[in-house]
Every structure is written in C-alpha cells, then in structure tokens.
C-alpha atoms as a PDB file:
ATOM      1  CA  PHE A   1    -148.035  -3.681 166.707  1.00  0.00           C
ATOM      2  CA  TYR A   2    -144.939  -4.024 168.643  1.00  0.00           C
ATOM      3  CA  THR A   3    -143.770  -4.560 172.586  1.00  0.00           C
ATOM      4  CA  HIS A   4    -140.786  -3.590 174.631  1.00  0.00           C
ATOM      5  CA  LEU A   5    -138.417  -4.891 177.172  1.00  0.00           C
ATOM      6  CA  GLY A   6    -136.306  -3.171 179.204  1.00  0.00           C
ATOM      7  CA  LEU A   7    -135.513  -0.907 181.990  1.00  0.00           C
ATOM      8  CA  GLU A   8    -136.083   2.728 183.105  1.00  0.00           C
ATOM      9  CA  GLN A   9    -133.937   4.204 185.562  1.00  0.00           C
ATOM     10  CA  ALA A  10    -134.240   7.988 187.337  1.00  0.00           C
ATOM     11  CA  MET A  11    -131.843   9.303 190.031  1.00  0.00           C
ATOM     12  CA  PRO A  12    -131.937  12.305 191.320  1.00  0.00           C
ATOM     13  CA  LEU A  13    -127.916  14.437 190.717  1.00  0.00           C
ATOM     14  CA  TYR A  14    -128.467  17.585 192.468  1.00  0.00           C
ATOM     15  CA  GLN A  15    -130.895  18.677 195.079  1.00  0.00           C
ATOM     16  CA  ALA A  16    -130.780  22.502 197.254  1.00  0.00           C
ATOM     17  CA  ASN A  17    -133.529  24.676 197.902  1.00  0.00           C
ATOM     18  CA  ASP A  18    -136.487  22.975 196.011  1.00  0.00           C
ATOM     19  CA  LYS A  19    -134.049  22.704 192.867  1.00  0.00           C
ATOM     20  CA  LEU A  20    -133.862  19.348 191.187  1.00  0.00           C
ATOM     21  CA  ILE A  21    -131.859  17.810 189.011  1.00  0.00           C
ATOM     22  CA  SER A  22    -132.290  14.572 187.885  1.00  0.00           C
ATOM     23  CA  GLU A  23    -131.136  12.007 185.554  1.00  0.00           C
ATOM     24  CA  ARG A  24    -133.008   9.758 183.298  1.00  0.00           C
ATOM     25  CA  VAL A  25    -132.087   6.695 181.463  1.00  0.00           C
ATOM     26  CA  MET A  26    -134.377   3.935 179.572  1.00  0.00           C
ATOM     27  CA  LEU A  27    -132.974   0.964 177.587  1.00  0.00           C
ATOM     28  CA  ALA A  28    -135.592  -1.146 175.907  1.00  0.00           C
ATOM     29  CA  TRP A  29    -135.244  -3.763 173.214  1.00  0.00           C
ATOM     30  CA  ARG A  30    -138.191  -3.059 170.508  1.00  0.00           C
ATOM     31  CA  HIS A  31    -139.635  -6.024 168.584  1.00  0.00           C
ATOM     32  CA  ALA A  32    -142.262  -5.051 166.107  1.00  0.00           C
ATOM     33  CA  TYR A  33    -145.004  -8.034 165.226  1.00  0.00           C
ATOM     34  CA  THR A  34    -146.585  -6.053 162.135  1.00  0.00           C
ATOM     35  CA  GLY A  35    -146.500  -2.568 160.540  1.00  0.00           C
ATOM     36  CA  VAL A  36    -142.852  -2.123 160.077  1.00  0.00           C
ATOM     37  CA  TYR A  37    -143.531  -0.186 156.937  1.00  0.00           C
ATOM     38  CA  PRO A  38    -146.001   2.289 157.742  1.00  0.00           C
ATOM     39  CA  LEU A  39    -148.493   3.542 155.321  1.00  0.00           C
ATOM     40  CA  SER A  40    -151.563   6.002 155.730  1.00  0.00           C
ATOM     41  CA  THR A  41    -153.978   7.060 153.015  1.00  0.00           C
ATOM     42  CA  PHE A  42    -155.169  10.297 152.875  1.00  0.00           C
ATOM     43  CA  ALA A  43    -158.009  12.404 150.555  1.00  0.00           C
ATOM     44  CA  PHE A  44    -158.567  16.070 150.486  1.00  0.00           C
ATOM     45  CA  THR A  45    -161.976  16.904 151.472  1.00  0.00           C
ATOM     46  CA  SER A  46    -162.717  18.588 148.247  1.00  0.00           C
ATOM     47  CA  GLY A  47    -162.520  15.560 146.011  1.00  0.00           C
ATOM     48  CA  GLY A  48    -159.948  13.788 144.178  1.00  0.00           C
ATOM     49  CA  ASN A  49    -158.477  10.488 144.033  1.00  0.00           C
ATOM     50  CA  PRO A  50    -156.593   9.696 147.808  1.00  0.00           C
ATOM     51  CA  PHE A  51    -153.194   8.982 147.978  1.00  0.00           C
ATOM     52  CA  ALA A  52    -150.535   6.897 150.034  1.00  0.00           C
ATOM     53  CA  ILE A  53    -148.084   8.140 152.126  1.00  0.00           C
ATOM     54  CA  GLN A  54    -145.231   5.857 153.581  1.00  0.00           C
ATOM     55  CA  GLY A  55    -143.090   6.811 156.387  1.00  0.00           C
ATOM     56  CA  ALA A  56    -139.564   5.832 156.954  1.00  0.00           C
ATOM     57  CA  PRO A  57    -139.521   1.654 158.141  1.00  0.00           C
ATOM     58  CA  ILE A  58    -138.751   0.281 161.507  1.00  0.00           C
ATOM     59  CA  ALA A  59    -136.692  -2.423 162.230  1.00  0.00           C
ATOM     60  CA  LYS A  60    -138.265  -5.756 163.496  1.00  0.00           C
ATOM     61  CA  ASP A  61    -135.346  -5.629 166.434  1.00  0.00           C
ATOM     62  CA  ALA A  62    -134.166  -2.930 167.728  1.00  0.00           C
ATOM     63  CA  LEU A  63    -132.468  -0.661 170.960  1.00  0.00           C
ATOM     64  CA  VAL A  64    -134.242   2.057 171.775  1.00  0.00           C
ATOM     65  CA  MET A  65    -132.853   4.774 174.075  1.00  0.00           C
ATOM     66  CA  ASP A  66    -134.091   7.967 175.960  1.00  0.00           C
ATOM     67  CA  ILE A  67    -131.676   9.462 177.836  1.00  0.00           C
ATOM     68  CA  GLY A  68    -131.503  12.844 179.296  1.00  0.00           C
ATOM     69  CA  LEU A  69    -131.884  15.269 182.139  1.00  0.00           C
ATOM     70  CA  ASP A  70    -134.717  17.117 183.950  1.00  0.00           C
ATOM     71  CA  ALA A  71    -135.251  20.209 185.659  1.00  0.00           C
ATOM     72  CA  THR A  72    -137.112  20.975 187.919  1.00  0.00           C
ATOM     73  CA  LEU A  73    -137.862  24.562 190.111  1.00  0.00           C
ATOM     74  CA  PRO A  74    -141.344  24.233 191.133  1.00  0.00           C
ATOM     75  CA  HIS A  75    -141.345  27.558 193.645  1.00  0.00           C
ATOM     76  CA  LYS A  76    -141.577  29.072 189.826  1.00  0.00           C
ATOM     77  CA  GLY A  77    -143.444  26.227 188.592  1.00  0.00           C
ATOM     78  CA  LEU A  78    -140.772  25.657 185.620  1.00  0.00           C
ATOM     79  CA  ASN A  79    -139.902  21.972 184.512  1.00  0.00           C
ATOM     80  CA  MET A  80    -137.312  21.269 181.934  1.00  0.00           C
ATOM     81  CA  ARG A  81    -135.980  17.913 179.997  1.00  0.00           C
ATOM     82  CA  LEU A  82    -133.244  17.850 177.727  1.00  0.00           C
ATOM     83  CA  ALA A  83    -132.471  13.908 176.619  1.00  0.00           C
ATOM     84  CA  TYR A  84    -131.168  12.269 173.389  1.00  0.00           C
ATOM     85  CA  ILE A  85    -133.491   9.572 171.603  1.00  0.00           C
ATOM     86  CA  GLY A  86    -132.934   7.121 169.686  1.00  0.00           C
ATOM     87  CA  GLN A  87    -133.255   3.641 168.435  1.00  0.00           C
ATOM     88  CA  VAL A  88    -130.581   1.336 166.079  1.00  0.00           C
ATOM     89  CA  GLY A  89    -131.769  -2.003 164.280  1.00  0.00           C
ATOM     90  CA  GLY A  90    -130.890  -3.998 161.324  1.00  0.00           C
ATOM     91  CA  GLN A  91    -130.357  -0.914 158.805  1.00  0.00           C
ATOM     92  CA  VAL A  92    -132.422   1.657 160.507  1.00  0.00           C
ATOM     93  CA  GLN A  93    -130.980   4.380 162.868  1.00  0.00           C
ATOM     94  CA  ASP A  94    -133.007   6.894 163.931  1.00  0.00           C
ATOM     95  CA  HIS A  95    -131.224   9.144 166.176  1.00  0.00           C
ATOM     96  CA  GLY A  96    -132.709  13.178 167.747  1.00  0.00           C
ATOM     97  CA  LEU A  97    -132.264  15.312 170.291  1.00  0.00           C
ATOM     98  CA  THR A  98    -135.475  16.743 172.339  1.00  0.00           C
ATOM     99  CA  GLY A  99    -135.897  19.467 174.661  1.00  0.00           C
ATOM    100  CA  ARG A 100    -139.387  20.451 176.724  1.00  0.00           C
ATOM    101  CA  ILE A 101    -139.840  23.577 178.996  1.00  0.00           C
ATOM    102  CA  SER A 102    -143.242  23.907 180.676  1.00  0.00           C
ATOM    103  CA  TRP A 103    -144.324  26.805 183.060  1.00  0.00           C
ATOM    104  CA  GLN A 104    -147.384  25.873 185.506  1.00  0.00           C
ATOM    105  CA  PHE A 105    -148.589  29.005 186.717  1.00  0.00           C
ATOM    106  CA  ASP A 106    -152.090  29.380 188.870  1.00  0.00           C
END
C-alpha cells in the first residue's frame, strides 16, 4: 500500500494540420506504507509444493518520474509515446525507457 503526492503537466509543443506533439512530465513523491519487499506464492496446477518468488524491493520513500513525448495523428488514428520512467530513493533505483504505438481504425 502506497501513496503518491506530486504534479503532472502536459503541454503542446507543436500543433499543425491535425498533428499534435506534446510533452508530459510527472514528478511525485511516493511513500510506501507496507509491501516494500514484494513476495508472491505460486503453485503448479499439476501438484507439487508451492514456491515463493520475491520481487525487487521498492524504497519506502522515493522520487517517481515519468517524462516523455506524445505524438498524435488523429486523421490516421495513430498515437505514439516515448518516455523515460524511473524511481530513485534510498538504496533502490529503477530506470527505464518505454514506448507505445497505437493505431485505431473503424
């Protein structure tokens, strides 16, 4: 169980002829109340002993970031996003790059 407190901002950088490129920034402080060491227990349906898998720990307090660009071509039903995502706190750091392309059609 955790909460976020922060801000999110989106602003168009370029707009012309039904094309839109915008930046999006999310910065937040995340406070974890419980579950900083994720643990899940699994078992095979065919039988056998259950086993546990522990995930990477999260920091009790961390800076969470999502900074990226969105591009939209509505007349073609195309949406794209490229972003840096990360969290930094205590002895734990997590950094990544994410991309998404979606195409909507009738």
